Amino acid sequence: MGHLCDRAAHEEEALIGVAIELGLHRDQIAAVHATFLDAMAIAAWEDGVVTESEFADLSSVASMLGLPGGLVRIALERAEKLAGRSATDGDFRLEMGDQVVFTGELSVPRGQLEDLVQQAGLKCGGITKKTKVVVAADPDSQSGKAAKARSYGIPVITEAAFARLIGSMH
């Protein structure tokens, strides 16, 4: 078993080396990994319950990605909040023309996200009462944008949740 672990560690370092050569920094790689974990947590919550097996899978993925085990519970809490919001707000969806705001150091360059928004028929802009959703690097952020959004009752969500919402647009 030790040989397998040594090999996995070597492969992880090789992948990190490639990512760094491509211009990604370790903190950006960690953010991408955390976003992936968030997406998995959202998928686990889709049926309204997280089984022991799903929790074990999430913990295993976090470990393989080099993320602290505590992030699994945080990702699940965020996913549960989003699932609760969807249930109470009548299946929250994005529609053509909706305004989206980005805040924080996101794992994907802002320009790429803005292009994606435009291609989906959405708009980018500042926080107004007409803003549909705020996508944040840290949805629990107390930043000015996030605080203003919450004061207007606008959801503040993760990149993973945003990817899911954009993917569900018709």
Protein backbone atom coordinates (compact mmCIF):
# COMPACT_ATOMS: atom_id res chain seq x y z
CA MET A 1 0.00 0.00 0.00
CA GLY A 2 2.87 2.39 0.77
CA HIS A 3 4.14 2.08 -2.79
CA LEU A 4 0.72 3.08 -4.13
CA CYS A 5 0.61 6.14 -1.84
CA ASP A 6 4.12 7.15 -2.90
CA ARG A 7 3.09 6.84 -6.56
CA ALA A 8 -0.09 8.91 -6.00
CA ALA A 9 1.95 11.63 -4.25
CA HIS A 10 4.44 11.64 -7.13
CA GLU A 11 1.61 11.92 -9.69
CA GLU A 12 0.00 14.73 -7.69
CA GLU A 13 3.28 16.69 -7.68
CA ALA A 14 3.63 16.09 -11.45
CA LEU A 15 0.12 17.45 -12.07
CA ILE A 16 0.78 20.48 -9.87
CA GLY A 17 4.00 21.04 -11.83
CA VAL A 18 2.08 21.03 -15.13
CA ALA A 19 -0.56 23.40 -13.75
CA ILE A 20 2.13 25.81 -12.55
CA GLU A 21 3.84 25.63 -15.96
CA LEU A 22 0.50 26.60 -17.49
CA GLY A 23 0.46 29.73 -15.33
CA LEU A 24 -1.77 28.59 -12.47
CA HIS A 25 -0.69 29.34 -8.92
CA ARG A 26 -1.10 26.86 -6.07
CA ASP A 27 -3.89 28.99 -4.55
CA GLN A 28 -5.77 28.93 -7.88
CA ILE A 29 -5.37 25.15 -8.06
CA ALA A 30 -6.71 24.84 -4.50
CA ALA A 31 -9.68 27.06 -5.44
CA VAL A 32 -10.46 24.84 -8.44
CA HIS A 33 -10.26 21.78 -6.20
CA ALA A 34 -12.57 23.38 -3.62
CA THR A 35 -15.03 24.34 -6.39
CA PHE A 36 -15.01 20.73 -7.61
CA LEU A 37 -15.73 19.56 -4.05
CA ASP A 38 -18.60 22.09 -3.83
CA ALA A 39 -20.06 20.71 -7.08
CA MET A 40 -19.88 17.17 -5.71
CA ALA A 41 -21.57 18.29 -2.47
CA ILE A 42 -24.37 19.92 -4.46
CA ALA A 43 -24.84 16.69 -6.42
CA ALA A 44 -24.93 14.72 -3.15
CA TRP A 45 -27.68 17.03 -1.79
CA GLU A 46 -29.86 16.87 -4.93
CA ASP A 47 -32.07 14.12 -3.44
CA GLY A 48 -32.31 15.95 -0.10
CA VAL A 49 -30.08 13.59 1.90
CA VAL A 50 -26.36 12.79 2.07
CA THR A 51 -25.72 9.11 2.74
CA GLU A 52 -22.72 7.75 4.63
CA SER A 53 -21.42 6.42 1.31
CA GLU A 54 -21.71 9.86 -0.33
CA PHE A 55 -19.96 11.46 2.66
CA ALA A 56 -17.18 8.86 2.42
CA ASP A 57 -16.83 9.57 -1.32
CA LEU A 58 -16.60 13.32 -0.67
CA SER A 59 -14.01 12.76 2.06
CA SER A 60 -11.99 10.52 -0.26
CA VAL A 61 -12.07 13.10 -3.07
CA ALA A 62 -11.05 15.88 -0.66
CA SER A 63 -8.13 13.77 0.49
CA MET A 64 -7.05 12.97 -3.08
CA LEU A 65 -7.21 16.67 -3.95
CA GLY A 66 -5.10 17.57 -0.91
CA LEU A 67 -7.95 19.50 0.73
CA PRO A 68 -8.44 19.55 4.50
CA GLY A 69 -11.14 17.11 5.66
CA GLY A 70 -13.04 19.98 7.30
CA LEU A 71 -13.86 21.39 3.87
CA VAL A 72 -16.20 18.44 3.24
CA ARG A 73 -18.56 19.60 6.00
CA ILE A 74 -18.31 23.22 4.83
CA ALA A 75 -19.11 22.20 1.22
CA LEU A 76 -22.06 20.14 2.45
CA GLU A 77 -23.36 23.04 4.57
CA ARG A 78 -23.21 25.35 1.54
CA ALA A 79 -24.92 22.75 -0.63
CA GLU A 80 -27.63 22.26 2.00
CA LYS A 81 -28.25 26.03 2.13
CA LEU A 82 -28.53 26.14 -1.65
CA ALA A 83 -30.86 23.12 -1.65
CA GLY A 84 -32.99 24.77 1.06
CA ARG A 85 -33.09 28.01 -0.92
CA SER A 86 -34.19 26.11 -4.04
CA ALA A 87 -36.96 24.39 -2.11
CA THR A 88 -38.28 27.59 -0.56
CA ASP A 89 -37.88 29.81 -3.60
CA GLY A 90 -39.68 27.48 -6.00
CA ASP A 91 -36.83 25.90 -7.96
CA PHE A 92 -34.44 28.82 -8.33
CA ARG A 93 -33.34 29.22 -11.96
CA LEU A 94 -31.55 31.71 -14.17
CA GLU A 95 -33.42 33.06 -17.18
CA MET A 96 -32.32 35.04 -20.22
CA GLY A 97 -31.74 38.67 -19.29
CA ASP A 98 -31.06 37.99 -15.58
CA GLN A 99 -28.23 40.02 -14.05
CA VAL A 100 -25.28 38.24 -12.42
CA VAL A 101 -22.55 39.79 -10.26
CA PHE A 102 -19.14 38.26 -9.48
CA THR A 103 -17.14 38.99 -6.35
CA GLY A 104 -13.89 37.80 -4.83
CA GLU A 105 -10.87 35.95 -6.24
CA LEU A 106 -12.66 33.35 -8.36
CA SER A 107 -10.94 30.25 -9.74
CA VAL A 108 -11.86 31.15 -13.33
CA PRO A 109 -10.68 34.46 -14.83
CA ARG A 110 -13.41 37.11 -14.64
CA GLY A 111 -13.31 37.70 -18.41
CA GLN A 112 -14.10 34.04 -19.12
CA LEU A 113 -17.03 34.14 -16.69
CA GLU A 114 -18.37 37.32 -18.28
CA ASP A 115 -18.13 35.68 -21.73
CA LEU A 116 -20.05 32.66 -20.41
CA VAL A 117 -22.73 34.94 -18.95
CA GLN A 118 -23.09 36.79 -22.24
CA GLN A 119 -23.28 33.55 -24.26
CA ALA A 120 -26.07 32.32 -21.94
CA GLY A 121 -28.07 35.50 -22.56
CA LEU A 122 -27.43 36.88 -19.09
CA LYS A 123 -26.02 40.27 -18.07
CA CYS A 124 -23.19 41.32 -15.77
CA GLY A 125 -23.39 44.41 -13.65
CA GLY A 126 -23.33 45.87 -10.20
CA ILE A 127 -25.59 45.05 -7.27
CA THR A 128 -29.10 46.41 -7.75
CA LYS A 129 -32.48 45.14 -6.59
CA LYS A 130 -32.80 43.58 -10.07
CA THR A 131 -29.65 41.44 -9.65
CA LYS A 132 -30.65 37.76 -9.72
CA VAL A 133 -27.56 36.20 -8.12
CA VAL A 134 -24.08 37.01 -6.80
CA VAL A 135 -21.34 34.46 -7.49
CA ALA A 136 -18.66 34.62 -4.82
CA ALA A 137 -15.33 32.95 -4.21
CA ASP A 138 -16.54 32.75 -0.59
CA PRO A 139 -20.35 32.77 -0.31
CA ASP A 140 -20.03 33.52 3.41
CA SER A 141 -18.04 36.65 2.58
CA GLN A 142 -18.85 39.88 4.36
CA SER A 143 -17.62 41.93 1.38
CA GLY A 144 -19.52 45.05 0.39
CA LYS A 145 -21.11 43.33 -2.62
CA ALA A 146 -22.16 40.25 -0.66
CA ALA A 147 -23.56 42.30 2.23
CA LYS A 148 -25.52 44.56 -0.14
CA ALA A 149 -26.85 41.50 -2.01
CA ARG A 150 -28.04 39.90 1.23
CA SER A 151 -29.72 43.15 2.29
CA TYR A 152 -31.74 42.95 -0.98
CA GLY A 153 -32.47 39.24 -0.49
CA ILE A 154 -30.25 38.26 -3.44
CA PRO A 155 -28.66 34.78 -3.16
CA VAL A 156 -24.86 34.64 -2.81
CA ILE A 157 -23.65 31.33 -4.26
CA THR A 158 -20.47 29.40 -5.10
CA GLU A 159 -18.95 29.05 -8.56
CA ALA A 160 -20.04 25.40 -8.55
CA ALA A 161 -23.65 26.34 -7.86
CA PHE A 162 -23.47 28.96 -10.62
CA ALA A 163 -22.10 26.36 -13.06
CA ARG A 164 -25.05 24.12 -12.19
CA LEU A 165 -27.54 26.96 -12.67
CA ILE A 166 -26.05 27.95 -16.02
CA GLY A 167 -26.05 24.31 -17.09
CA SER A 168 -29.76 23.99 -16.29
CA MET A 169 -30.81 26.98 -18.44
CA HIS A 170 -33.04 26.06 -21.37
